[in-house]
Amino acid sequence: MDGITPQPPEREIDGGDRVHIQQGDRSIPGFLGRAGTVVEVFRIPHDSCLVRIDGDPNHQREWFFYRDEVVISEA
């Protein structure tokens, strides 16, 4: 493993986390690059979550995303 630096494991998602939507296996193109707040986390499938997207005219709407579709925003 000479010259390879292992990446730290990404932490689990928690309610209230700020996330950005990224390309994943099932991504909806209209959401890519958007930001939002995690409302609820499901452990099955692993770390899938409901997210309220910033700027959504329906402020109560929540969208389901898989873990590979979100990245936690480190402020």
Foldseek 3Di string as FASTA:
>chain_A
DPPDDDDDDADADDFQFKKAFDDDPDDDVVRHGWIWTFHDFDPVVHGWTWTQTPPDPPRPDTDIDDPRGIDTDDD
